[in-house]
Amino acid sequence: MMHEVTTTYLEMLSPGAFKPKPSPVKDVCVRKVEIPTPSLNHYFFVNVGKPWKWYSRLSWTLEDWQAWAEKKTVGTWMGRIKGSPFGYLEIERRGDDAELSFFGLLPQFLGIGLGGFFLSEAIRIAWELNPKRVWVHTCTLDHPHALSNYLARGFSVYKKETAQEQVPDDDDPLWCTPAYYQSLPEFCM
């Protein structure tokens, strides 16, 4: 289905612009995934992204996910509350920039105030990589509070683009069956 989608690009040019938000709950942590785990990145991409129509990686093969997870300039972090995963973030270092490539919460953890805290942790981690700029993009298909969260944490808008995009319907098989599952031997299914 075609959708008009406006993408907003945001940047933070110095750590001094950062406005962190503390965690609203106890027993919460954010830790780097030290051993690249393509299935973990895939799981979070699909389950965090489905409500917001993240479709850009749905056709990736297992090799694509592995290449991404093992890429030297990419890091993955997982948020946990009381030991249970609540969200993930991917940061890609591109030259002097650190991009928050993907960031979000699993649906059952929305609405309890973790978004501002988790974004704060993402920004803190990104600045620890010593970039000259931290940037991110969001779009009109994303969580309704995504843009306001980025702005509240100190990001500034530097570009907006509107385009027609072909977005898979909710019942599209792409949401359920990753392409690489189809290539696994039968005994793995």
N, C-alpha and C. Protein backbone atom coordinates (compact mmCIF):
# COMPACT_ATOMS: atom_id res chain seq x y z
N MET A 1 0.83 -1.17 0.00
CA MET A 1 0.00 0.00 0.00
C MET A 1 0.89 1.25 0.00
N MET A 2 0.53 2.23 -0.80
CA MET A 2 1.31 3.47 -0.87
C MET A 2 0.92 4.40 0.29
N HIS A 3 1.95 4.97 0.90
CA HIS A 3 1.77 5.94 2.00
C HIS A 3 2.63 7.15 1.71
N GLU A 4 2.11 8.33 2.04
CA GLU A 4 2.96 9.52 2.02
C GLU A 4 3.71 9.54 3.34
N VAL A 5 5.02 9.51 3.29
CA VAL A 5 5.86 9.42 4.48
C VAL A 5 6.80 10.62 4.53
N THR A 6 6.79 11.31 5.64
CA THR A 6 7.73 12.41 5.85
C THR A 6 8.81 11.92 6.80
N THR A 7 10.04 12.00 6.34
CA THR A 7 11.19 11.60 7.14
C THR A 7 11.87 12.87 7.66
N THR A 8 12.13 12.88 8.96
CA THR A 8 12.79 14.01 9.61
C THR A 8 14.16 13.56 10.07
N TYR A 9 15.18 14.30 9.68
CA TYR A 9 16.56 14.02 10.07
C TYR A 9 16.95 14.99 11.17
N LEU A 10 17.54 14.44 12.23
CA LEU A 10 17.91 15.25 13.39
C LEU A 10 19.38 15.02 13.73
N GLU A 11 19.99 16.04 14.32
CA GLU A 11 21.39 15.92 14.71
C GLU A 11 21.64 16.61 16.04
N MET A 12 22.72 16.18 16.67
CA MET A 12 23.22 16.81 17.88
C MET A 12 24.70 17.05 17.63
N LEU A 13 25.12 18.30 17.72
CA LEU A 13 26.48 18.65 17.34
C LEU A 13 27.47 18.72 18.49
N SER A 14 26.97 18.62 19.71
CA SER A 14 27.89 18.58 20.85
C SER A 14 27.20 17.90 22.02
N PRO A 15 27.98 17.28 22.89
CA PRO A 15 27.40 16.64 24.07
C PRO A 15 26.68 17.65 24.98
N GLY A 16 27.07 18.91 24.88
CA GLY A 16 26.44 19.96 25.69
C GLY A 16 24.97 20.17 25.38
N ALA A 17 24.53 19.76 24.20
CA ALA A 17 23.12 19.91 23.82
C ALA A 17 22.25 18.80 24.40
N PHE A 18 22.86 17.76 24.90
CA PHE A 18 22.18 16.57 25.38
C PHE A 18 21.40 16.86 26.67
N LYS A 19 20.12 16.47 26.68
CA LYS A 19 19.24 16.64 27.85
C LYS A 19 18.74 15.25 28.28
N PRO A 20 19.50 14.59 29.14
CA PRO A 20 19.14 13.22 29.50
C PRO A 20 17.88 13.14 30.35
N LYS A 21 17.25 11.98 30.30
CA LYS A 21 16.09 11.68 31.13
C LYS A 21 16.38 10.43 31.94
N PRO A 22 16.19 10.49 33.24
CA PRO A 22 16.46 9.30 34.06
C PRO A 22 15.40 8.21 33.86
N SER A 23 15.74 7.03 34.30
CA SER A 23 14.80 5.91 34.20
C SER A 23 13.64 6.12 35.17
N PRO A 24 12.42 5.84 34.72
CA PRO A 24 11.26 5.97 35.59
C PRO A 24 11.04 4.74 36.47
N VAL A 25 11.82 3.69 36.22
CA VAL A 25 11.66 2.44 36.96
C VAL A 25 13.02 1.96 37.47
N LYS A 26 12.98 1.06 38.45
CA LYS A 26 14.20 0.48 38.99
C LYS A 26 14.56 -0.79 38.24
N ASP A 27 15.76 -1.26 38.49
CA ASP A 27 16.26 -2.51 37.93
C ASP A 27 16.22 -2.51 36.40
N VAL A 28 16.74 -1.43 35.82
CA VAL A 28 16.80 -1.30 34.37
C VAL A 28 18.26 -1.07 33.97
N CYS A 29 18.67 -1.66 32.85
CA CYS A 29 20.04 -1.48 32.40
C CYS A 29 20.08 -1.56 30.87
N VAL A 30 21.16 -1.02 30.33
CA VAL A 30 21.42 -1.09 28.90
C VAL A 30 22.83 -1.64 28.75
N ARG A 31 22.96 -2.74 28.01
CA ARG A 31 24.26 -3.39 27.84
C ARG A 31 24.53 -3.67 26.37
N LYS A 32 25.80 -3.57 26.01
CA LYS A 32 26.21 -3.87 24.64
C LYS A 32 26.14 -5.38 24.42
N VAL A 33 25.71 -5.76 23.24
CA VAL A 33 25.73 -7.15 22.82
C VAL A 33 27.16 -7.40 22.31
N GLU A 34 27.96 -8.03 23.12
CA GLU A 34 29.39 -8.18 22.84
C GLU A 34 29.68 -9.21 21.75
N ILE A 35 28.84 -10.22 21.64
CA ILE A 35 29.03 -11.24 20.61
C ILE A 35 27.96 -10.99 19.55
N PRO A 36 28.36 -10.59 18.34
CA PRO A 36 27.36 -10.31 17.29
C PRO A 36 26.41 -11.49 17.12
N THR A 37 25.11 -11.17 17.17
CA THR A 37 24.07 -12.19 17.12
C THR A 37 23.01 -11.77 16.12
N PRO A 38 23.17 -12.16 14.85
CA PRO A 38 22.24 -11.73 13.81
C PRO A 38 20.78 -12.00 14.13
N SER A 39 20.48 -13.14 14.74
CA SER A 39 19.08 -13.47 15.05
C SER A 39 18.50 -12.51 16.08
N LEU A 40 19.32 -11.97 16.95
CA LEU A 40 18.86 -10.99 17.93
C LEU A 40 18.49 -9.67 17.23
N ASN A 41 19.37 -9.21 16.34
CA ASN A 41 19.07 -7.99 15.59
C ASN A 41 17.79 -8.17 14.78
N HIS A 42 17.68 -9.34 14.14
CA HIS A 42 16.48 -9.63 13.35
C HIS A 42 15.24 -9.63 14.24
N TYR A 43 15.29 -10.32 15.36
CA TYR A 43 14.15 -10.39 16.28
C TYR A 43 13.68 -8.99 16.68
N PHE A 44 14.62 -8.16 17.13
CA PHE A 44 14.23 -6.82 17.57
C PHE A 44 13.73 -5.97 16.41
N PHE A 45 14.38 -6.05 15.26
CA PHE A 45 13.92 -5.27 14.11
C PHE A 45 12.46 -5.57 13.80
N VAL A 46 12.12 -6.85 13.75
CA VAL A 46 10.75 -7.25 13.40
C VAL A 46 9.78 -6.89 14.53
N ASN A 47 10.11 -7.22 15.76
CA ASN A 47 9.15 -7.07 16.85
C ASN A 47 9.03 -5.64 17.37
N VAL A 48 10.11 -4.89 17.35
CA VAL A 48 10.03 -3.48 17.70
C VAL A 48 9.42 -2.70 16.54
N GLY A 49 9.80 -3.06 15.33
CA GLY A 49 9.43 -2.27 14.16
C GLY A 49 8.07 -2.52 13.55
N LYS A 50 7.48 -3.68 13.79
CA LYS A 50 6.22 -3.98 13.10
C LYS A 50 5.13 -2.94 13.34
N PRO A 51 4.91 -2.47 14.58
CA PRO A 51 3.85 -1.47 14.76
C PRO A 51 4.10 -0.17 13.98
N TRP A 52 5.36 0.09 13.65
CA TRP A 52 5.73 1.34 12.98
C TRP A 52 6.09 1.12 11.51
N LYS A 53 5.84 -0.10 11.03
CA LYS A 53 6.03 -0.44 9.61
C LYS A 53 7.50 -0.37 9.19
N TRP A 54 8.41 -0.79 10.06
CA TRP A 54 9.80 -0.90 9.64
C TRP A 54 9.88 -2.06 8.65
N TYR A 55 10.11 -1.78 7.42
CA TYR A 55 10.12 -2.84 6.41
C TYR A 55 11.43 -2.90 5.63
N SER A 56 12.32 -1.97 5.86
CA SER A 56 13.52 -1.85 5.02
C SER A 56 14.41 -3.09 5.05
N ARG A 57 14.38 -3.87 6.10
CA ARG A 57 15.25 -5.04 6.20
C ARG A 57 14.49 -6.37 6.15
N LEU A 58 13.22 -6.34 5.87
CA LEU A 58 12.43 -7.57 5.91
C LEU A 58 12.86 -8.59 4.87
N SER A 59 13.45 -8.14 3.80
CA SER A 59 13.88 -9.08 2.76
C SER A 59 15.34 -9.54 2.95
N TRP A 60 15.98 -9.10 4.03
CA TRP A 60 17.37 -9.49 4.26
C TRP A 60 17.48 -11.01 4.45
N THR A 61 18.58 -11.54 3.95
CA THR A 61 18.91 -12.95 4.15
C THR A 61 19.67 -13.09 5.47
N LEU A 62 19.87 -14.32 5.88
CA LEU A 62 20.67 -14.57 7.07
C LEU A 62 22.07 -13.98 6.90
N GLU A 63 22.61 -14.08 5.71
CA GLU A 63 23.94 -13.51 5.44
C GLU A 63 23.94 -12.00 5.59
N ASP A 64 22.87 -11.34 5.15
CA ASP A 64 22.76 -9.89 5.32
C ASP A 64 22.76 -9.51 6.80
N TRP A 65 21.96 -10.24 7.58
CA TRP A 65 21.89 -9.95 9.02
C TRP A 65 23.24 -10.20 9.69
N GLN A 66 23.91 -11.25 9.27
CA GLN A 66 25.21 -11.57 9.84
C GLN A 66 26.23 -10.49 9.49
N ALA A 67 26.24 -10.07 8.23
CA ALA A 67 27.18 -9.02 7.81
C ALA A 67 26.94 -7.73 8.59
N TRP A 68 25.67 -7.40 8.82
CA TRP A 68 25.34 -6.18 9.57
C TRP A 68 25.80 -6.31 11.02
N ALA A 69 25.43 -7.40 11.67
CA ALA A 69 25.76 -7.58 13.09
C ALA A 69 27.26 -7.65 13.35
N GLU A 70 28.01 -8.16 12.36
CA GLU A 70 29.46 -8.30 12.52
C GLU A 70 30.25 -7.11 11.98
N LYS A 71 29.56 -6.15 11.39
CA LYS A 71 30.23 -4.98 10.81
C LYS A 71 30.98 -4.23 11.91
N LYS A 72 32.24 -3.95 11.68
CA LYS A 72 33.10 -3.33 12.71
C LYS A 72 32.60 -1.96 13.16
N THR A 73 31.86 -1.26 12.31
CA THR A 73 31.39 0.08 12.65
C THR A 73 30.00 0.09 13.28
N VAL A 74 29.44 -1.10 13.53
CA VAL A 74 28.09 -1.21 14.08
C VAL A 74 28.15 -1.84 15.46
N GLY A 75 27.36 -1.30 16.37
CA GLY A 75 27.20 -1.89 17.70
C GLY A 75 25.72 -2.03 18.00
N THR A 76 25.39 -3.06 18.77
CA THR A 76 24.02 -3.31 19.19
C THR A 76 23.98 -3.32 20.71
N TRP A 77 22.98 -2.67 21.27
CA TRP A 77 22.77 -2.64 22.71
C TRP A 77 21.35 -3.09 23.00
N MET A 78 21.18 -3.76 24.13
CA MET A 78 19.87 -4.24 24.52
C MET A 78 19.51 -3.65 25.87
N GLY A 79 18.27 -3.16 25.97
CA GLY A 79 17.76 -2.68 27.25
C GLY A 79 17.05 -3.81 27.96
N ARG A 80 17.25 -3.89 29.28
CA ARG A 80 16.59 -4.92 30.07
C ARG A 80 15.98 -4.29 31.31
N ILE A 81 14.82 -4.80 31.67
CA ILE A 81 14.16 -4.39 32.90
C ILE A 81 13.84 -5.66 33.69
N LYS A 82 14.36 -5.70 34.91
CA LYS A 82 14.22 -6.91 35.75
C LYS A 82 14.68 -8.15 34.99
N GLY A 83 15.72 -8.00 34.18
CA GLY A 83 16.29 -9.11 33.43
C GLY A 83 15.64 -9.38 32.09
N SER A 84 14.47 -8.81 31.82
CA SER A 84 13.76 -9.07 30.56
C SER A 84 14.10 -8.00 29.53
N PRO A 85 14.34 -8.41 28.28
CA PRO A 85 14.62 -7.43 27.23
C PRO A 85 13.41 -6.53 27.00
N PHE A 86 13.67 -5.21 26.90
CA PHE A 86 12.58 -4.29 26.59
C PHE A 86 12.79 -3.52 25.30
N GLY A 87 14.02 -3.52 24.78
CA GLY A 87 14.26 -2.78 23.54
C GLY A 87 15.70 -2.93 23.10
N TYR A 88 15.99 -2.33 21.96
CA TYR A 88 17.35 -2.40 21.43
C TYR A 88 17.70 -1.12 20.70
N LEU A 89 18.99 -0.97 20.48
CA LEU A 89 19.46 0.14 19.67
C LEU A 89 20.68 -0.31 18.91
N GLU A 90 20.81 0.22 17.71
CA GLU A 90 21.98 -0.01 16.88
C GLU A 90 22.61 1.34 16.59
N ILE A 91 23.90 1.41 16.77
CA ILE A 91 24.64 2.64 16.46
C ILE A 91 25.68 2.27 15.41
N GLU A 92 25.70 3.06 14.33
CA GLU A 92 26.70 2.86 13.29
C GLU A 92 27.60 4.08 13.25
N ARG A 93 28.89 3.82 13.33
CA ARG A 93 29.89 4.88 13.22
C ARG A 93 30.19 5.08 11.74
N ARG A 94 29.98 6.29 11.24
CA ARG A 94 30.24 6.63 9.84
C ARG A 94 31.17 7.83 9.80
N GLY A 95 32.46 7.57 9.63
CA GLY A 95 33.43 8.67 9.64
C GLY A 95 33.40 9.39 10.97
N ASP A 96 33.10 10.68 10.94
CA ASP A 96 33.04 11.48 12.16
C ASP A 96 31.66 11.46 12.81
N ASP A 97 30.72 10.74 12.23
CA ASP A 97 29.35 10.70 12.73
C ASP A 97 29.05 9.39 13.45
N ALA A 98 28.10 9.47 14.37
CA ALA A 98 27.52 8.28 14.98
C ALA A 98 26.02 8.36 14.70
N GLU A 99 25.51 7.36 13.98
CA GLU A 99 24.08 7.33 13.66
C GLU A 99 23.36 6.35 14.56
N LEU A 100 22.26 6.80 15.16
CA LEU A 100 21.36 5.88 15.85
C LEU A 100 20.55 5.23 14.74
N SER A 101 21.03 4.09 14.25
CA SER A 101 20.43 3.44 13.08
C SER A 101 19.02 2.96 13.35
N PHE A 102 18.86 2.18 14.41
CA PHE A 102 17.54 1.72 14.82
C PHE A 102 17.49 1.76 16.33
N PHE A 103 16.32 2.12 16.84
CA PHE A 103 16.14 2.32 18.26
C PHE A 103 14.66 2.12 18.57
N GLY A 104 14.34 1.35 19.57
CA GLY A 104 12.94 1.24 19.93
C GLY A 104 12.68 0.22 21.02
N LEU A 105 11.42 0.22 21.45
CA LEU A 105 10.97 -0.64 22.54
C LEU A 105 10.03 -1.71 22.01
N LEU A 106 10.06 -2.87 22.65
CA LEU A 106 9.07 -3.90 22.35
C LEU A 106 7.70 -3.37 22.76
N PRO A 107 6.65 -3.74 22.03
CA PRO A 107 5.32 -3.16 22.26
C PRO A 107 4.82 -3.21 23.71
N GLN A 108 5.09 -4.28 24.43
CA GLN A 108 4.56 -4.40 25.79
C GLN A 108 5.22 -3.43 26.77
N PHE A 109 6.31 -2.75 26.35
CA PHE A 109 6.99 -1.82 27.23
C PHE A 109 6.75 -0.35 26.85
N LEU A 110 5.86 -0.13 25.92
CA LEU A 110 5.50 1.24 25.53
C LEU A 110 4.57 1.83 26.59
N GLY A 111 4.69 3.14 26.77
CA GLY A 111 3.75 3.84 27.65
C GLY A 111 4.10 3.84 29.12
N ILE A 112 5.29 3.35 29.49
CA ILE A 112 5.67 3.37 30.92
C ILE A 112 6.84 4.31 31.17
N GLY A 113 7.19 5.11 30.17
CA GLY A 113 8.23 6.12 30.35
C GLY A 113 9.64 5.69 30.05
N LEU A 114 9.83 4.51 29.46
CA LEU A 114 11.18 4.03 29.17
C LEU A 114 11.80 4.69 27.94
N GLY A 115 10.99 5.22 27.03
CA GLY A 115 11.51 5.76 25.77
C GLY A 115 12.52 6.88 25.96
N GLY A 116 12.20 7.84 26.81
CA GLY A 116 13.12 8.97 27.05
C GLY A 116 14.41 8.51 27.70
N PHE A 117 14.30 7.61 28.66
CA PHE A 117 15.49 7.05 29.30
C PHE A 117 16.34 6.27 28.31
N PHE A 118 15.71 5.40 27.53
CA PHE A 118 16.45 4.56 26.60
C PHE A 118 17.13 5.40 25.53
N LEU A 119 16.44 6.41 25.03
CA LEU A 119 17.07 7.32 24.07
C LEU A 119 18.23 8.05 24.72
N SER A 120 18.10 8.44 25.98
CA SER A 120 19.20 9.09 26.70
C SER A 120 20.42 8.18 26.76
N GLU A 121 20.19 6.92 27.03
CA GLU A 121 21.30 5.96 27.06
C GLU A 121 21.93 5.83 25.66
N ALA A 122 21.10 5.80 24.63
CA ALA A 122 21.63 5.71 23.26
C ALA A 122 22.51 6.91 22.93
N ILE A 123 22.07 8.08 23.31
CA ILE A 123 22.85 9.30 23.04
C ILE A 123 24.15 9.29 23.85
N ARG A 124 24.06 8.92 25.12
CA ARG A 124 25.27 8.84 25.95
C ARG A 124 26.28 7.89 25.34
N ILE A 125 25.82 6.72 24.92
CA ILE A 125 26.71 5.72 24.31
C ILE A 125 27.31 6.27 23.01
N ALA A 126 26.48 6.91 22.19
CA ALA A 126 26.97 7.47 20.92
C ALA A 126 28.06 8.50 21.16
N TRP A 127 27.87 9.38 22.14
CA TRP A 127 28.90 10.39 22.41
C TRP A 127 30.18 9.76 22.96
N GLU A 128 30.09 8.62 23.63
CA GLU A 128 31.28 7.92 24.12
C GLU A 128 32.16 7.43 22.97
N LEU A 129 31.59 7.35 21.76
CA LEU A 129 32.36 6.94 20.57
C LEU A 129 33.17 8.11 20.00
N ASN A 130 33.06 9.28 20.60
CA ASN A 130 33.79 10.50 20.23
C ASN A 130 33.52 10.97 18.80
N PRO A 131 32.27 11.01 18.38
CA PRO A 131 31.98 11.56 17.05
C PRO A 131 31.94 13.08 17.11
N LYS A 132 31.90 13.69 15.95
CA LYS A 132 31.67 15.14 15.88
C LYS A 132 30.18 15.45 15.86
N ARG A 133 29.38 14.42 15.49
CA ARG A 133 27.94 14.61 15.38
C ARG A 133 27.25 13.27 15.65
N VAL A 134 26.11 13.35 16.36
CA VAL A 134 25.23 12.20 16.53
C VAL A 134 23.95 12.54 15.77
N TRP A 135 23.49 11.61 14.96
CA TRP A 135 22.28 11.89 14.20
C TRP A 135 21.35 10.70 14.15
N VAL A 136 20.12 10.98 13.77
CA VAL A 136 19.06 9.98 13.74
C VAL A 136 18.00 10.46 12.76
N HIS A 137 17.18 9.55 12.28
CA HIS A 137 16.02 9.97 11.50
C HIS A 137 14.79 9.25 12.01
N THR A 138 13.66 9.88 11.83
CA THR A 138 12.37 9.30 12.19
C THR A 138 11.39 9.66 11.10
N CYS A 139 10.24 9.03 11.10
CA CYS A 139 9.27 9.35 10.05
C CYS A 139 7.86 9.34 10.61
N THR A 140 6.92 9.74 9.78
CA THR A 140 5.53 9.85 10.21
C THR A 140 4.89 8.49 10.46
N LEU A 141 5.53 7.40 10.11
CA LEU A 141 5.02 6.07 10.45
C LEU A 141 5.47 5.62 11.83
N ASP A 142 6.43 6.35 12.42
CA ASP A 142 7.03 5.96 13.70
C ASP A 142 6.08 6.26 14.86
N HIS A 143 6.49 5.89 16.06
CA HIS A 143 5.71 6.15 17.27
C HIS A 143 5.32 7.63 17.31
N PRO A 144 4.09 7.95 17.71
CA PRO A 144 3.65 9.35 17.70
C PRO A 144 4.51 10.29 18.55
N HIS A 145 5.22 9.76 19.55
CA HIS A 145 6.05 10.61 20.40
C HIS A 145 7.54 10.57 20.03
N ALA A 146 7.89 9.86 18.97
CA ALA A 146 9.30 9.71 18.61
C ALA A 146 9.96 11.07 18.36
N LEU A 147 9.38 11.87 17.50
CA LEU A 147 9.99 13.17 17.17
C LEU A 147 10.10 14.05 18.40
N SER A 148 9.06 14.12 19.21
CA SER A 148 9.12 14.97 20.41
C SER A 148 10.16 14.45 21.40
N ASN A 149 10.36 13.13 21.47
CA ASN A 149 11.39 12.56 22.34
C ASN A 149 12.78 12.99 21.86
N TYR A 150 13.02 12.90 20.55
CA TYR A 150 14.32 13.33 20.02
C TYR A 150 14.57 14.80 20.30
N LEU A 151 13.57 15.62 20.09
CA LEU A 151 13.72 17.07 20.34
C LEU A 151 13.93 17.35 21.82
N ALA A 152 13.22 16.65 22.69
CA ALA A 152 13.36 16.85 24.14
C ALA A 152 14.73 16.45 24.65
N ARG A 153 15.39 15.51 23.97
CA ARG A 153 16.73 15.07 24.39
C ARG A 153 17.82 15.97 23.84
N GLY A 154 17.48 16.96 22.99
CA GLY A 154 18.47 17.93 22.53
C GLY A 154 18.81 17.87 21.05
N PHE A 155 18.17 17.00 20.29
CA PHE A 155 18.40 16.97 18.85
C PHE A 155 17.74 18.17 18.18
N SER A 156 18.30 18.58 17.03
CA SER A 156 17.73 19.64 16.20
C SER A 156 17.46 19.07 14.81
N VAL A 157 16.38 19.51 14.19
CA VAL A 157 16.03 19.08 12.84
C VAL A 157 16.96 19.77 11.85
N TYR A 158 17.52 19.00 10.91
CA TYR A 158 18.33 19.61 9.87
C TYR A 158 17.81 19.35 8.46
N LYS A 159 16.84 18.41 8.32
CA LYS A 159 16.29 18.15 6.99
C LYS A 159 14.99 17.38 7.13
N LYS A 160 14.07 17.64 6.18
CA LYS A 160 12.83 16.87 6.07
C LYS A 160 12.60 16.52 4.62
N GLU A 161 12.09 15.30 4.39
CA GLU A 161 11.77 14.85 3.04
C GLU A 161 10.43 14.13 3.08
N THR A 162 9.62 14.36 2.07
CA THR A 162 8.34 13.66 1.95
C THR A 162 8.34 12.88 0.64
N ALA A 163 7.92 11.62 0.72
CA ALA A 163 7.89 10.76 -0.47
C ALA A 163 6.76 9.76 -0.33
N GLN A 164 6.35 9.22 -1.47
CA GLN A 164 5.40 8.11 -1.49
C GLN A 164 6.20 6.82 -1.33
N GLU A 165 5.82 5.99 -0.37
CA GLU A 165 6.53 4.74 -0.14
C GLU A 165 5.56 3.56 -0.18
N GLN A 166 6.03 2.46 -0.74
CA GLN A 166 5.26 1.22 -0.77
C GLN A 166 5.51 0.51 0.55
N VAL A 167 4.51 0.48 1.42
CA VAL A 167 4.64 -0.11 2.74
C VAL A 167 3.82 -1.39 2.79
N PRO A 168 4.41 -2.50 3.24
CA PRO A 168 3.66 -3.76 3.31
C PRO A 168 2.45 -3.65 4.23
N ASP A 169 1.34 -4.25 3.82
CA ASP A 169 0.14 -4.32 4.66
C ASP A 169 0.43 -5.19 5.87
N ASP A 170 -0.41 -5.08 6.90
CA ASP A 170 -0.23 -5.87 8.12
C ASP A 170 -0.24 -7.37 7.88
N ASP A 171 -0.97 -7.82 6.86
CA ASP A 171 -1.05 -9.25 6.60
C ASP A 171 -0.05 -9.73 5.54
N ASP A 172 0.87 -8.86 5.14
CA ASP A 172 1.88 -9.25 4.16
C ASP A 172 2.78 -10.32 4.77
N PRO A 173 3.07 -11.40 4.04
CA PRO A 173 3.94 -12.46 4.57
C PRO A 173 5.33 -11.99 4.98
N LEU A 174 5.77 -10.86 4.46
CA LEU A 174 7.08 -10.35 4.85
C LEU A 174 7.20 -10.15 6.36
N TRP A 175 6.08 -9.80 7.03
CA TRP A 175 6.13 -9.56 8.47
C TRP A 175 6.31 -10.86 9.26
N CYS A 176 5.94 -11.97 8.67
CA CYS A 176 5.93 -13.24 9.41
C CYS A 176 7.10 -14.15 9.08
N THR A 177 7.51 -14.20 7.84
CA THR A 177 8.49 -15.18 7.42
C THR A 177 9.70 -14.50 6.80
N PRO A 178 10.80 -14.41 7.54
CA PRO A 178 11.99 -13.83 6.94
C PRO A 178 12.44 -14.67 5.75
N ALA A 179 12.96 -14.01 4.75
CA ALA A 179 13.37 -14.69 3.53
C ALA A 179 14.37 -15.80 3.81
N TYR A 180 15.27 -15.61 4.78
CA TYR A 180 16.29 -16.63 4.99
C TYR A 180 15.75 -17.90 5.63
N TYR A 181 14.59 -17.85 6.31
CA TYR A 181 14.01 -19.08 6.84
C TYR A 181 13.66 -20.05 5.72
N GLN A 182 13.32 -19.50 4.57
CA GLN A 182 12.91 -20.34 3.45
C GLN A 182 14.08 -21.15 2.91
N SER A 183 15.31 -20.74 3.20
CA SER A 183 16.46 -21.46 2.67
C SER A 183 17.05 -22.45 3.69
N LEU A 184 16.48 -22.55 4.88
CA LEU A 184 17.00 -23.48 5.87
C LEU A 184 16.59 -24.90 5.53
N PRO A 185 17.41 -25.86 5.88
CA PRO A 185 17.02 -27.25 5.65
C PRO A 185 15.73 -27.56 6.41
N GLU A 186 14.97 -28.52 5.89
CA GLU A 186 13.66 -28.85 6.46
C GLU A 186 13.73 -29.20 7.93
N PHE A 187 14.77 -29.88 8.38
CA PHE A 187 14.84 -30.28 9.78
C PHE A 187 15.02 -29.11 10.74
N CYS A 188 15.34 -27.94 10.21
CA CYS A 188 15.51 -26.76 11.06
C CYS A 188 14.20 -26.03 11.29
N MET A 189 13.20 -26.34 10.51
CA MET A 189 11.93 -25.60 10.59
C MET A 189 11.14 -26.00 11.81
